[in-house]
Amino acid sequence: MSPIRVRDLVGGTISDRPRNAPTIDLPPDFDRAVGLVTVDTTMHGHYRAHDGKNVSYAAFVRPLSWRASGEIFLIGDAGGERAPAGTFRLSSIAVHDR
C-alpha cells in the first residue's frame, strides 16, 4: 500500500507516512501555536489549552488512512507506528504537494 503525504503544520515539512501511522483528533481547546500533544503509555494526551492551562484527556488513536484529504489532526512522530505513546504533531494530509 502506498504511503500518505503529510504536512507538518508546525515546521512546514512534508513527509510520506505509512497508512497505519497513529493519529489523534484535535482537542477543542488545543493551542495550535504549540502544535504538540504528548500521549503517555496509558493513552492520555497532555497539551496546553488556549488559556495556557495544561490539560489531560483520553486520546483515541486512529490510523492515518482514516483521515480525509485536507483534514487537520495530530500524528505520531516518525517511528511511533509500533508504539502510539509519544509526541503527536499538528498535521494535515498534503493535498497539493505531489
C-alpha atoms as a PDB file:
ATOM      1  CA  MET A   1       0.000   0.000   0.000  1.00  0.00           C
ATOM      2  CA  SER A   2       1.272   3.436  -0.868  1.00  0.00           C
ATOM      3  CA  PRO A   3       2.229   5.937   1.860  1.00  0.00           C
ATOM      4  CA  ILE A   4       0.248   9.116   2.507  1.00  0.00           C
ATOM      5  CA  ARG A   5       1.868  12.537   2.122  1.00  0.00           C
ATOM      6  CA  VAL A   6       1.535  14.630   5.298  1.00  0.00           C
ATOM      7  CA  ARG A   7       2.375  18.281   6.012  1.00  0.00           C
ATOM      8  CA  ASP A   8       3.665  19.183   9.473  1.00  0.00           C
ATOM      9  CA  LEU A   9       1.763  22.392  10.292  1.00  0.00           C
ATOM     10  CA  VAL A  10       4.312  23.465  12.921  1.00  0.00           C
ATOM     11  CA  GLY A  11       7.531  23.183  10.904  1.00  0.00           C
ATOM     12  CA  GLY A  12       6.071  23.083   7.380  1.00  0.00           C
ATOM     13  CA  THR A  13       7.894  19.904   6.354  1.00  0.00           C
ATOM     14  CA  ILE A  14       6.265  17.320   4.123  1.00  0.00           C
ATOM     15  CA  SER A  15       6.819  13.607   4.556  1.00  0.00           C
ATOM     16  CA  ASP A  16       5.407  10.333   3.305  1.00  0.00           C
ATOM     17  CA  ARG A  17       3.976   8.358   6.198  1.00  0.00           C
ATOM     18  CA  PRO A  18       2.696   4.775   6.404  1.00  0.00           C
ATOM     19  CA  ARG A  19      -1.053   4.363   6.148  1.00  0.00           C
ATOM     20  CA  ASN A  20      -1.110   2.858   9.661  1.00  0.00           C
ATOM     21  CA  ALA A  21       0.722   5.808  11.293  1.00  0.00           C
ATOM     22  CA  PRO A  22      -1.100   6.699  14.546  1.00  0.00           C
ATOM     23  CA  THR A  23      -3.223   9.864  14.609  1.00  0.00           C
ATOM     24  CA  ILE A  24      -5.480  11.531  17.159  1.00  0.00           C
ATOM     25  CA  ASP A  25      -8.163  14.217  16.847  1.00  0.00           C
ATOM     26  CA  LEU A  26      -7.523  17.820  17.871  1.00  0.00           C
ATOM     27  CA  PRO A  27      -8.875  18.660  21.315  1.00  0.00           C
ATOM     28  CA  PRO A  28     -11.368  21.568  21.071  1.00  0.00           C
ATOM     29  CA  ASP A  29      -9.279  23.959  23.195  1.00  0.00           C
ATOM     30  CA  PHE A  30      -5.900  22.928  21.716  1.00  0.00           C
ATOM     31  CA  ASP A  31      -3.316  25.713  21.342  1.00  0.00           C
ATOM     32  CA  ARG A  32      -2.283  25.377  17.683  1.00  0.00           C
ATOM     33  CA  ALA A  33       0.675  27.704  18.228  1.00  0.00           C
ATOM     34  CA  VAL A  34       2.286  24.954  20.332  1.00  0.00           C
ATOM     35  CA  GLY A  35       1.203  22.212  17.923  1.00  0.00           C
ATOM     36  CA  LEU A  36       2.128  19.244  20.121  1.00  0.00           C
ATOM     37  CA  VAL A  37       0.349  16.692  22.274  1.00  0.00           C
ATOM     38  CA  THR A  38       2.221  14.126  24.338  1.00  0.00           C
ATOM     39  CA  VAL A  39       0.485  10.765  24.732  1.00  0.00           C
ATOM     40  CA  ASP A  40       1.573   8.553  27.620  1.00  0.00           C
ATOM     41  CA  THR A  41       1.511   4.749  27.837  1.00  0.00           C
ATOM     42  CA  THR A  42      -1.999   4.841  29.341  1.00  0.00           C
ATOM     43  CA  MET A  43      -3.201   6.687  26.197  1.00  0.00           C
ATOM     44  CA  HIS A  44      -3.810  10.000  27.933  1.00  0.00           C
ATOM     45  CA  GLY A  45      -2.952  13.078  25.908  1.00  0.00           C
ATOM     46  CA  HIS A  46      -1.309  16.071  27.576  1.00  0.00           C
ATOM     47  CA  TYR A  47      -1.336  19.517  25.953  1.00  0.00           C
ATOM     48  CA  ARG A  48      -1.611  23.240  26.583  1.00  0.00           C
ATOM     49  CA  ALA A  49      -5.014  24.843  26.039  1.00  0.00           C
ATOM     50  CA  HIS A  50      -5.729  28.309  24.566  1.00  0.00           C
ATOM     51  CA  ASP A  51      -5.926  29.734  28.082  1.00  0.00           C
ATOM     52  CA  GLY A  52      -2.444  28.410  28.961  1.00  0.00           C
ATOM     53  CA  LYS A  53      -3.679  25.626  31.250  1.00  0.00           C
ATOM     54  CA  ASN A  54      -2.219  22.129  30.977  1.00  0.00           C
ATOM     55  CA  VAL A  55      -4.908  19.583  30.090  1.00  0.00           C
ATOM     56  CA  SER A  56      -5.078  15.780  30.152  1.00  0.00           C
ATOM     57  CA  TYR A  57      -7.644  13.737  28.198  1.00  0.00           C
ATOM     58  CA  ALA A  58      -8.261  10.228  26.847  1.00  0.00           C
ATOM     59  CA  ALA A  59      -6.661  10.074  23.381  1.00  0.00           C
ATOM     60  CA  PHE A  60      -8.187   7.703  20.834  1.00  0.00           C
ATOM     61  CA  VAL A  61      -5.675   6.585  18.214  1.00  0.00           C
ATOM     62  CA  ARG A  62      -6.804   6.008  14.623  1.00  0.00           C
ATOM     63  CA  PRO A  63      -4.687   5.116  11.580  1.00  0.00           C
ATOM     64  CA  LEU A  64      -3.706   7.834   9.130  1.00  0.00           C
ATOM     65  CA  SER A  65      -5.663   6.059   6.379  1.00  0.00           C
ATOM     66  CA  TRP A  66      -8.897   7.011   8.174  1.00  0.00           C
ATOM     67  CA  ARG A  67      -8.208  10.739   7.712  1.00  0.00           C
ATOM     68  CA  ALA A  68      -9.806  12.810   4.947  1.00  0.00           C
ATOM     69  CA  SER A  69      -7.897  14.866   2.418  1.00  0.00           C
ATOM     70  CA  GLY A  70      -7.065  18.274   3.928  1.00  0.00           C
ATOM     71  CA  GLU A  71      -8.200  17.271   7.431  1.00  0.00           C
ATOM     72  CA  ILE A  72      -6.196  18.692  10.351  1.00  0.00           C
ATOM     73  CA  PHE A  73      -5.162  16.186  13.032  1.00  0.00           C
ATOM     74  CA  LEU A  74      -2.239  15.181  15.253  1.00  0.00           C
ATOM     75  CA  ILE A  75       0.138  12.465  14.001  1.00  0.00           C
ATOM     76  CA  GLY A  76       2.671  10.471  15.985  1.00  0.00           C
ATOM     77  CA  ASP A  77       6.304  11.356  15.353  1.00  0.00           C
ATOM     78  CA  ALA A  78       8.092   9.085  12.888  1.00  0.00           C
ATOM     79  CA  GLY A  79       8.918   5.756  14.440  1.00  0.00           C
ATOM     80  CA  GLY A  80       5.796   5.779  16.602  1.00  0.00           C
ATOM     81  CA  GLU A  81       3.814   3.409  14.397  1.00  0.00           C
ATOM     82  CA  ARG A  82       4.579   0.405  16.617  1.00  0.00           C
ATOM     83  CA  ALA A  83       4.006   2.157  19.956  1.00  0.00           C
ATOM     84  CA  PRO A  84       1.499   5.038  19.857  1.00  0.00           C
ATOM     85  CA  ALA A  85       2.796   6.640  23.083  1.00  0.00           C
ATOM     86  CA  GLY A  86       4.946   9.684  22.322  1.00  0.00           C
ATOM     87  CA  THR A  87       4.678  13.101  20.728  1.00  0.00           C
ATOM     88  CA  PHE A  88       1.924  13.903  18.233  1.00  0.00           C
ATOM     89  CA  ARG A  89       2.345  16.908  15.936  1.00  0.00           C
ATOM     90  CA  LEU A  90      -0.230  19.173  14.303  1.00  0.00           C
ATOM     91  CA  SER A  91      -0.505  17.983  10.692  1.00  0.00           C
ATOM     92  CA  SER A  92      -2.726  17.591   7.658  1.00  0.00           C
ATOM     93  CA  ILE A  93      -2.888  15.485   4.528  1.00  0.00           C
ATOM     94  CA  ALA A  94      -0.836  17.355   1.907  1.00  0.00           C
ATOM     95  CA  VAL A  95      -3.311  17.501  -0.989  1.00  0.00           C
ATOM     96  CA  HIS A  96      -1.379  19.671  -3.489  1.00  0.00           C
ATOM     97  CA  ASP A  97       2.210  18.559  -2.848  1.00  0.00           C
ATOM     98  CA  ARG A  98       2.616  15.585  -5.166  1.00  0.00           C
END
